[in-house]
Amino acid sequence: MSKHSTSPESRNVLVVAAHPDDEVLGCGGTIASHSAKGDRVSVLFLADGVGSRLKRQSTREVAARKRAAAKAAAILGITKIHFLGLPDNQLDGVLLLTIVKSVEDFMRRVDPDVVYTHFAGDLNVDHRTCHAAVMTACRPVPGSRIRSIYSFEVLSSTEWSLRHVTTPFSPARFNDIGAFLRQKMDALRAYGSEMRTFPHARSFEAVEALARLRGTSAGLGAAEAFVVEREIVR
């Protein structure tokens, strides 16, 4: 639960991630920033992120990943987390309509103004399917409250994208996370078993280096970068 009080101007923010840890890697600093402003942040995880690695489903491994997600959520000030429990790294084998309906159901409960999700061109198939499901669930029908949709990058997937079949990640939005980088890194430590040794892309050093690099693109000390999928200005 967030420790920050909400205000009449607070927003409902939804992060839809394929796996627990993607939310921190992709927009952990931004989540912390939203929470600090009094926004209510909810995170929906489509798959558990560990099932595809195991010879058989392990309730212990899945439970450990959920505990890590809860710990990261507490560090970042996330209000609500929910797990759909879809098959890990097999989302392309699930009917897209099934995923869309599940995302829509959760969206009705949190009624988001702002949505963050994966980049469409990621190497990981679950990330790509997640993006498609979210964009379908967030289609711009009259009366929709959603004003902004942004796609984030996840190291070891976005930069490894299939560049010959997709447009490379080209961000146009840079969120200043200089005051929240430590929170992002602390939340990432909750997923310590998922991290690798530098110079692997999914290492603590690489995550901080990316934040610094994205910061320099906008004259900031540290930033998270996003592709703007939709922004409605009134």
Protein backbone atom coordinates (compact mmCIF):
# COMPACT_ATOMS: atom_id res chain seq x y z
CA MET A 1 0.00 0.00 0.00
CA SER A 2 1.17 3.52 -0.73
CA LYS A 3 2.11 5.61 2.29
CA HIS A 4 1.29 8.80 0.41
CA SER A 5 -2.07 10.51 0.77
CA THR A 6 -4.19 11.09 -2.30
CA SER A 7 -5.68 14.40 -3.43
CA PRO A 8 -8.60 15.36 -5.67
CA GLU A 9 -6.05 15.85 -8.45
CA SER A 10 -4.53 12.38 -8.04
CA ARG A 11 -4.63 9.97 -10.96
CA ASN A 12 -5.24 6.27 -11.30
CA VAL A 13 -2.20 4.68 -12.92
CA LEU A 14 -2.15 1.15 -14.33
CA VAL A 15 0.96 -0.84 -15.23
CA VAL A 16 0.33 -4.03 -17.20
CA ALA A 17 3.43 -6.22 -17.21
CA ALA A 18 4.02 -9.68 -18.61
CA HIS A 19 6.05 -10.85 -15.58
CA PRO A 20 6.93 -9.72 -12.06
CA ASP A 21 10.13 -7.61 -12.32
CA ASP A 22 9.18 -6.07 -15.67
CA GLU A 23 7.32 -3.31 -13.83
CA VAL A 24 10.48 -2.30 -11.95
CA LEU A 25 12.83 -2.64 -14.90
CA GLY A 26 10.51 -0.72 -17.21
CA CYS A 27 9.09 2.02 -15.03
CA GLY A 28 10.04 1.53 -11.38
CA GLY A 29 11.25 5.10 -10.96
CA THR A 30 8.15 6.45 -12.67
CA ILE A 31 5.93 4.36 -10.39
CA ALA A 32 7.71 5.80 -7.34
CA SER A 33 7.25 9.29 -8.74
CA HIS A 34 3.51 8.74 -9.28
CA SER A 35 3.16 7.40 -5.75
CA ALA A 36 5.02 10.38 -4.28
CA LYS A 37 2.53 12.70 -6.02
CA GLY A 38 -0.39 10.85 -4.44
CA ASP A 39 -1.41 8.89 -7.54
CA ARG A 40 -2.88 5.42 -7.06
CA VAL A 41 -0.76 2.85 -8.90
CA SER A 42 -2.03 -0.65 -9.72
CA VAL A 43 -0.01 -3.39 -11.42
CA LEU A 44 -1.42 -6.32 -13.35
CA PHE A 45 0.90 -9.28 -14.07
CA LEU A 46 -0.14 -11.61 -16.87
CA ALA A 47 2.23 -14.55 -16.16
CA ASP A 48 4.39 -15.64 -13.23
CA GLY A 49 7.76 -15.32 -15.01
CA VAL A 50 9.15 -18.64 -13.77
CA GLY A 51 6.92 -21.45 -15.07
CA SER A 52 8.69 -21.88 -18.40
CA ARG A 53 12.04 -22.58 -16.68
CA LEU A 54 10.77 -25.44 -14.54
CA LYS A 55 10.42 -29.07 -15.56
CA ARG A 56 7.18 -29.05 -13.62
CA GLN A 57 5.16 -26.25 -12.08
CA SER A 58 6.55 -25.37 -8.67
CA THR A 59 4.17 -23.63 -6.29
CA ARG A 60 7.20 -22.72 -4.17
CA GLU A 61 8.91 -20.84 -7.03
CA VAL A 62 5.70 -19.08 -8.02
CA ALA A 63 4.99 -18.10 -4.41
CA ALA A 64 8.54 -16.73 -4.05
CA ARG A 65 8.08 -14.57 -7.15
CA LYS A 66 4.79 -13.24 -5.80
CA ARG A 67 6.44 -12.36 -2.50
CA ALA A 68 9.16 -10.51 -4.40
CA ALA A 69 6.49 -8.58 -6.30
CA ALA A 70 4.76 -7.64 -3.05
CA LYS A 71 8.07 -6.47 -1.55
CA ALA A 72 8.88 -4.37 -4.62
CA ALA A 73 5.36 -2.93 -4.55
CA ALA A 74 5.79 -1.82 -0.94
CA ILE A 75 9.09 -0.11 -1.79
CA LEU A 76 7.60 1.76 -4.76
CA GLY A 77 4.30 2.65 -3.09
CA ILE A 78 2.10 0.55 -5.37
CA THR A 79 -1.51 0.41 -4.19
CA LYS A 80 -2.65 -2.87 -5.74
CA ILE A 81 -1.08 -5.87 -7.49
CA HIS A 82 -2.94 -8.68 -9.23
CA PHE A 83 -1.78 -11.88 -10.94
CA LEU A 84 -3.67 -13.45 -13.85
CA GLY A 85 -1.58 -16.64 -13.72
CA LEU A 86 -1.42 -17.16 -17.49
CA PRO A 87 1.23 -19.59 -18.88
CA ASP A 88 4.73 -18.14 -18.73
CA ASN A 89 6.42 -17.45 -22.08
CA GLN A 90 3.43 -19.01 -23.81
CA LEU A 91 1.05 -16.07 -24.04
CA ASP A 92 1.11 -16.37 -27.82
CA GLY A 93 -0.68 -19.69 -27.31
CA VAL A 94 -3.53 -18.06 -25.38
CA LEU A 95 -6.39 -16.55 -27.36
CA LEU A 96 -5.76 -12.82 -27.50
CA LEU A 97 -9.44 -12.21 -26.77
CA THR A 98 -9.10 -14.14 -23.50
CA ILE A 99 -6.23 -11.92 -22.38
CA VAL A 100 -7.98 -8.76 -23.53
CA LYS A 101 -11.10 -9.59 -21.53
CA SER A 102 -9.03 -10.23 -18.40
CA VAL A 103 -7.21 -6.93 -18.83
CA GLU A 104 -10.51 -5.14 -19.43
CA ASP A 105 -11.99 -6.67 -16.28
CA PHE A 106 -9.11 -5.38 -14.17
CA MET A 107 -9.25 -1.99 -15.86
CA ARG A 108 -12.91 -1.63 -14.90
CA ARG A 109 -11.89 -2.09 -11.28
CA VAL A 110 -9.05 0.45 -11.24
CA ASP A 111 -10.44 2.89 -13.85
CA PRO A 112 -7.03 4.20 -15.01
CA ASP A 113 -6.19 7.60 -16.40
CA VAL A 114 -2.64 6.57 -17.37
CA VAL A 115 -1.46 3.16 -18.63
CA TYR A 116 2.09 1.81 -18.97
CA THR A 117 2.96 -1.45 -20.72
CA HIS A 118 5.56 -3.23 -22.85
CA PHE A 119 7.00 -2.08 -26.16
CA ALA A 120 5.46 -3.81 -29.18
CA GLY A 121 8.79 -4.88 -30.65
CA ASP A 122 10.37 -6.66 -27.67
CA LEU A 123 12.12 -9.97 -28.28
CA ASN A 124 10.14 -11.70 -25.52
CA VAL A 125 6.90 -13.08 -26.94
CA ASP A 126 4.98 -12.44 -23.71
CA HIS A 127 5.94 -8.78 -23.88
CA ARG A 128 4.65 -8.45 -27.44
CA THR A 129 1.40 -10.24 -26.61
CA CYS A 130 0.96 -8.08 -23.53
CA HIS A 131 1.32 -4.93 -25.63
CA ALA A 132 -1.27 -6.14 -28.14
CA ALA A 133 -3.73 -7.05 -25.40
CA VAL A 134 -3.35 -3.71 -23.64
CA MET A 135 -3.73 -1.64 -26.80
CA THR A 136 -6.87 -3.60 -27.67
CA ALA A 137 -8.30 -3.22 -24.16
CA CYS A 138 -7.48 0.51 -24.28
CA ARG A 139 -9.06 1.18 -27.66
CA PRO A 140 -10.30 4.80 -27.79
CA VAL A 141 -14.04 4.31 -27.46
CA PRO A 142 -16.23 7.29 -26.47
CA GLY A 143 -16.37 7.73 -22.72
CA SER A 144 -13.01 6.12 -22.01
CA ARG A 145 -11.21 7.77 -19.11
CA ILE A 146 -7.75 6.78 -20.37
CA ARG A 147 -5.78 9.84 -21.37
CA SER A 148 -2.26 8.47 -21.82
CA ILE A 149 -0.66 5.18 -22.85
CA TYR A 150 3.11 4.69 -22.76
CA SER A 151 5.37 1.75 -23.67
CA PHE A 152 8.48 1.10 -21.58
CA GLU A 153 11.73 -0.69 -22.33
CA VAL A 154 13.00 -3.81 -20.54
CA LEU A 155 16.69 -4.63 -20.70
CA SER A 156 17.49 -8.00 -22.30
CA SER A 157 14.35 -7.81 -24.42
CA THR A 158 13.77 -4.36 -25.90
CA GLU A 159 17.35 -3.80 -27.05
CA TRP A 160 17.40 -7.38 -28.39
CA SER A 161 14.29 -6.73 -30.49
CA LEU A 162 13.75 -8.11 -33.97
CA ARG A 163 14.92 -5.00 -35.76
CA HIS A 164 14.40 -6.44 -39.23
CA VAL A 165 10.66 -6.82 -38.60
CA THR A 166 9.88 -3.99 -36.18
CA THR A 167 10.67 -0.34 -35.59
CA PRO A 168 13.37 0.04 -32.91
CA PHE A 169 12.43 1.53 -29.54
CA SER A 170 12.43 5.29 -30.16
CA PRO A 171 11.32 7.17 -27.04
CA ALA A 172 9.77 10.62 -27.09
CA ARG A 173 8.97 10.88 -23.37
CA PHE A 174 11.60 11.02 -20.63
CA ASN A 175 10.47 10.89 -17.01
CA ASP A 176 12.88 12.42 -14.52
CA ILE A 177 13.64 9.73 -11.92
CA GLY A 178 16.70 11.34 -10.36
CA ALA A 179 14.98 11.51 -6.98
CA PHE A 180 13.65 7.95 -7.31
CA LEU A 181 16.53 5.97 -8.80
CA ARG A 182 17.49 4.58 -5.39
CA GLN A 183 13.92 3.35 -4.86
CA LYS A 184 13.96 1.69 -8.26
CA MET A 185 17.22 -0.09 -7.47
CA ASP A 186 15.97 -1.12 -4.01
CA ALA A 187 12.80 -2.54 -5.56
CA LEU A 188 14.89 -4.38 -8.13
CA ARG A 189 16.82 -6.05 -5.31
CA ALA A 190 13.56 -7.70 -4.28
CA TYR A 191 13.99 -9.63 -7.53
CA GLY A 192 17.65 -10.38 -6.85
CA SER A 193 17.41 -13.95 -8.14
CA GLU A 194 16.45 -12.58 -11.57
CA MET A 195 19.49 -10.37 -11.88
CA ARG A 196 22.72 -11.36 -13.59
CA THR A 197 26.39 -10.45 -13.33
CA PHE A 198 27.67 -7.47 -15.32
CA PRO A 199 28.14 -7.10 -18.29
CA HIS A 200 24.85 -9.00 -18.76
CA ALA A 201 22.08 -6.60 -19.85
CA ARG A 202 19.97 -7.63 -16.86
CA SER A 203 22.47 -6.56 -14.20
CA PHE A 204 22.20 -3.82 -11.60
CA GLU A 205 25.04 -1.93 -13.28
CA ALA A 206 23.30 -2.05 -16.67
CA VAL A 207 19.98 -0.89 -15.23
CA GLU A 208 21.57 2.13 -13.58
CA ALA A 209 23.65 2.85 -16.69
CA LEU A 210 20.49 2.89 -18.83
CA ALA A 211 18.81 5.30 -16.41
CA ARG A 212 21.84 7.58 -16.62
CA LEU A 213 21.97 7.31 -20.42
CA ARG A 214 18.26 8.11 -20.80
CA GLY A 215 18.80 11.01 -18.45
CA THR A 216 21.53 12.49 -20.63
CA SER A 217 19.13 12.35 -23.59
CA ALA A 218 17.00 14.94 -21.81
CA GLY A 219 19.57 16.84 -19.77
CA LEU A 220 18.72 14.94 -16.58
CA GLY A 221 20.70 12.95 -14.06
CA ALA A 222 18.51 9.85 -14.53
CA ALA A 223 15.39 9.08 -16.51
CA GLU A 224 13.09 6.37 -17.80
CA ALA A 225 12.17 6.56 -21.46
CA PHE A 226 8.86 5.74 -23.12
CA VAL A 227 7.28 5.43 -26.52
CA VAL A 228 4.12 7.53 -26.58
CA GLU A 229 1.28 5.33 -27.79
CA ARG A 230 -1.46 7.90 -27.11
CA GLU A 231 -1.83 11.21 -25.32
CA ILE A 232 -5.05 13.19 -25.11
CA VAL A 233 -4.59 16.84 -24.17
CA ARG A 234 -7.50 18.96 -23.00
